[in-house]
């Protein structure tokens, strides 16, 4: 069963869109290289459709979905990120330093 993490965010003032997206891509690519993530969708920009977008209070502009093989891989990824003793630390910190208003929503495929 695939496990997914939906990530919505804004970039902090002064952070270039290209640089912010590159930092997130570098972080995801590192996790993929370490077999801690299966994939990350392209970073999308919100379109506040007047009928279909009902999340009126959500203020995030950018969104992506990270896909893990299963919950175990997701948990291993979290452990790795928060050990603070590995090369991923700097990449994760860069993403955190460049983003604001982060929201994370996790969901699992039923099969």
C-alpha atoms as a PDB file:
ATOM      1  CA  UNK A   1       0.000   0.000   0.000  1.00  0.00           C
ATOM      2  CA  UNK A   2       1.529   3.290  -1.064  1.00  0.00           C
ATOM      3  CA  UNK A   3       1.657   6.016   1.539  1.00  0.00           C
ATOM      4  CA  UNK A   4       1.510   9.665   0.480  1.00  0.00           C
ATOM      5  CA  UNK A   5       2.291  13.000   2.067  1.00  0.00           C
ATOM      6  CA  UNK A   6       0.624  16.045   0.551  1.00  0.00           C
ATOM      7  CA  UNK A   7       2.765  19.130   1.223  1.00  0.00           C
ATOM      8  CA  UNK A   8       1.396  22.645   0.844  1.00  0.00           C
ATOM      9  CA  UNK A   9       3.554  25.686   1.458  1.00  0.00           C
ATOM     10  CA  UNK A  10       4.448  29.260   0.650  1.00  0.00           C
ATOM     11  CA  UNK A  11       7.919  30.605   0.035  1.00  0.00           C
ATOM     12  CA  UNK A  12       9.307  33.082   2.522  1.00  0.00           C
ATOM     13  CA  UNK A  13       9.654  36.685   1.312  1.00  0.00           C
ATOM     14  CA  UNK A  14      12.750  37.099  -0.800  1.00  0.00           C
ATOM     15  CA  UNK A  15      13.019  33.419  -1.764  1.00  0.00           C
ATOM     16  CA  UNK A  16      13.067  33.012  -5.526  1.00  0.00           C
ATOM     17  CA  UNK A  17      10.498  30.522  -6.820  1.00  0.00           C
ATOM     18  CA  UNK A  18      13.108  28.647  -8.852  1.00  0.00           C
ATOM     19  CA  UNK A  19      15.503  28.391  -5.915  1.00  0.00           C
ATOM     20  CA  UNK A  20      12.740  27.248  -3.561  1.00  0.00           C
ATOM     21  CA  UNK A  21      11.574  24.573  -5.949  1.00  0.00           C
ATOM     22  CA  UNK A  22      15.166  23.459  -6.656  1.00  0.00           C
ATOM     23  CA  UNK A  23      15.811  23.042  -2.920  1.00  0.00           C
ATOM     24  CA  UNK A  24      12.739  20.863  -2.473  1.00  0.00           C
ATOM     25  CA  UNK A  25      13.631  18.800  -5.548  1.00  0.00           C
ATOM     26  CA  UNK A  26      17.215  18.287  -4.278  1.00  0.00           C
ATOM     27  CA  UNK A  27      15.876  17.114  -0.910  1.00  0.00           C
ATOM     28  CA  UNK A  28      13.417  14.689  -2.517  1.00  0.00           C
ATOM     29  CA  UNK A  29      16.080  13.386  -4.916  1.00  0.00           C
ATOM     30  CA  UNK A  30      18.395  12.688  -1.971  1.00  0.00           C
ATOM     31  CA  UNK A  31      15.651  10.721  -0.204  1.00  0.00           C
ATOM     32  CA  UNK A  32      14.974   8.780  -3.404  1.00  0.00           C
ATOM     33  CA  UNK A  33      18.697   7.987  -3.733  1.00  0.00           C
ATOM     34  CA  UNK A  34      18.646   6.653  -0.169  1.00  0.00           C
ATOM     35  CA  UNK A  35      15.525   4.555  -0.889  1.00  0.00           C
ATOM     36  CA  UNK A  36      13.579   6.632   1.638  1.00  0.00           C
ATOM     37  CA  UNK A  37      11.075   8.008  -0.889  1.00  0.00           C
ATOM     38  CA  UNK A  38       9.582   6.624  -4.083  1.00  0.00           C
ATOM     39  CA  UNK A  39       8.722   9.859  -5.885  1.00  0.00           C
ATOM     40  CA  UNK A  40       7.656  13.472  -5.633  1.00  0.00           C
ATOM     41  CA  UNK A  41       5.088  15.000  -7.956  1.00  0.00           C
ATOM     42  CA  UNK A  42       5.919  18.210  -9.804  1.00  0.00           C
ATOM     43  CA  UNK A  43       5.420  21.300  -7.662  1.00  0.00           C
ATOM     44  CA  UNK A  44       2.103  22.829  -8.600  1.00  0.00           C
ATOM     45  CA  UNK A  45       0.747  26.322  -8.094  1.00  0.00           C
ATOM     46  CA  UNK A  46      -2.684  26.726  -6.577  1.00  0.00           C
ATOM     47  CA  UNK A  47      -5.577  27.767  -8.719  1.00  0.00           C
ATOM     48  CA  UNK A  48      -8.370  28.977  -6.444  1.00  0.00           C
ATOM     49  CA  UNK A  49     -11.233  27.762  -8.613  1.00  0.00           C
ATOM     50  CA  UNK A  50     -14.441  29.551  -7.534  1.00  0.00           C
ATOM     51  CA  UNK A  51     -16.440  26.308  -7.232  1.00  0.00           C
ATOM     52  CA  UNK A  52     -14.020  23.366  -6.955  1.00  0.00           C
ATOM     53  CA  UNK A  53     -11.560  24.885  -4.442  1.00  0.00           C
ATOM     54  CA  UNK A  54     -13.483  24.963  -1.164  1.00  0.00           C
ATOM     55  CA  UNK A  55     -10.494  25.383   1.194  1.00  0.00           C
ATOM     56  CA  UNK A  56     -11.148  29.106   1.660  1.00  0.00           C
ATOM     57  CA  UNK A  57      -8.960  29.397   4.774  1.00  0.00           C
ATOM     58  CA  UNK A  58      -5.949  27.648   3.236  1.00  0.00           C
ATOM     59  CA  UNK A  59      -3.343  30.183   2.213  1.00  0.00           C
ATOM     60  CA  UNK A  60      -0.747  27.904   0.617  1.00  0.00           C
ATOM     61  CA  UNK A  61       0.339  28.687  -2.947  1.00  0.00           C
ATOM     62  CA  UNK A  62       2.504  25.653  -3.794  1.00  0.00           C
ATOM     63  CA  UNK A  63       1.763  21.939  -3.497  1.00  0.00           C
ATOM     64  CA  UNK A  64       3.440  18.624  -4.086  1.00  0.00           C
ATOM     65  CA  UNK A  65       2.841  15.039  -3.087  1.00  0.00           C
ATOM     66  CA  UNK A  66       5.592  12.757  -1.865  1.00  0.00           C
ATOM     67  CA  UNK A  67       4.949   9.043  -2.321  1.00  0.00           C
ATOM     68  CA  UNK A  68       6.432   6.329  -0.163  1.00  0.00           C
ATOM     69  CA  UNK A  69       6.323   2.600  -0.847  1.00  0.00           C
ATOM     70  CA  UNK A  70       4.425   2.123   2.422  1.00  0.00           C
ATOM     71  CA  UNK A  71       4.088   3.516   5.944  1.00  0.00           C
ATOM     72  CA  UNK A  72       7.285   1.752   7.001  1.00  0.00           C
ATOM     73  CA  UNK A  73       9.338   3.628   4.384  1.00  0.00           C
ATOM     74  CA  UNK A  74       7.698   6.909   5.443  1.00  0.00           C
ATOM     75  CA  UNK A  75       8.557   6.254   9.099  1.00  0.00           C
ATOM     76  CA  UNK A  76      12.138   5.327   8.193  1.00  0.00           C
ATOM     77  CA  UNK A  77      12.407   8.566   6.247  1.00  0.00           C
ATOM     78  CA  UNK A  78      11.224  10.582   9.242  1.00  0.00           C
ATOM     79  CA  UNK A  79      13.732   8.849  11.513  1.00  0.00           C
ATOM     80  CA  UNK A  80      16.523   9.543   9.029  1.00  0.00           C
ATOM     81  CA  UNK A  81      15.627  13.236   8.681  1.00  0.00           C
ATOM     82  CA  UNK A  82      15.494  13.836  12.430  1.00  0.00           C
ATOM     83  CA  UNK A  83      18.699  11.994  13.330  1.00  0.00           C
ATOM     84  CA  UNK A  84      20.619  15.203  12.479  1.00  0.00           C
ATOM     85  CA  UNK A  85      23.778  13.202  11.708  1.00  0.00           C
ATOM     86  CA  UNK A  86      23.438  12.612   7.991  1.00  0.00           C
ATOM     87  CA  UNK A  87      23.910  14.512   4.704  1.00  0.00           C
ATOM     88  CA  UNK A  88      20.168  15.024   4.311  1.00  0.00           C
ATOM     89  CA  UNK A  89      20.168  17.479   7.252  1.00  0.00           C
ATOM     90  CA  UNK A  90      21.327  20.447   5.204  1.00  0.00           C
ATOM     91  CA  UNK A  91      18.885  19.791   2.374  1.00  0.00           C
ATOM     92  CA  UNK A  92      15.941  19.459   4.765  1.00  0.00           C
ATOM     93  CA  UNK A  93      16.991  22.574   6.671  1.00  0.00           C
ATOM     94  CA  UNK A  94      17.226  24.543   3.420  1.00  0.00           C
ATOM     95  CA  UNK A  95      13.653  23.593   2.537  1.00  0.00           C
ATOM     96  CA  UNK A  96      12.427  24.528   6.021  1.00  0.00           C
ATOM     97  CA  UNK A  97      14.369  27.813   5.920  1.00  0.00           C
ATOM     98  CA  UNK A  98      12.824  28.782   2.572  1.00  0.00           C
ATOM     99  CA  UNK A  99       9.198  27.859   3.223  1.00  0.00           C
ATOM    100  CA  UNK A 100       6.415  29.032   5.483  1.00  0.00           C
ATOM    101  CA  UNK A 101       2.775  28.131   6.169  1.00  0.00           C
ATOM    102  CA  UNK A 102       3.596  24.440   5.683  1.00  0.00           C
ATOM    103  CA  UNK A 103       0.791  21.903   5.855  1.00  0.00           C
ATOM    104  CA  UNK A 104       1.227  18.146   5.659  1.00  0.00           C
ATOM    105  CA  UNK A 105      -1.613  15.746   4.996  1.00  0.00           C
ATOM    106  CA  UNK A 106      -0.887  12.020   4.899  1.00  0.00           C
ATOM    107  CA  UNK A 107      -3.012   9.383   3.224  1.00  0.00           C
ATOM    108  CA  UNK A 108      -2.679   5.737   2.275  1.00  0.00           C
ATOM    109  CA  UNK A 109      -3.878   3.814  -0.767  1.00  0.00           C
ATOM    110  CA  UNK A 110      -6.518   1.239   0.161  1.00  0.00           C
ATOM    111  CA  UNK A 111      -4.825  -1.643  -1.716  1.00  0.00           C
END
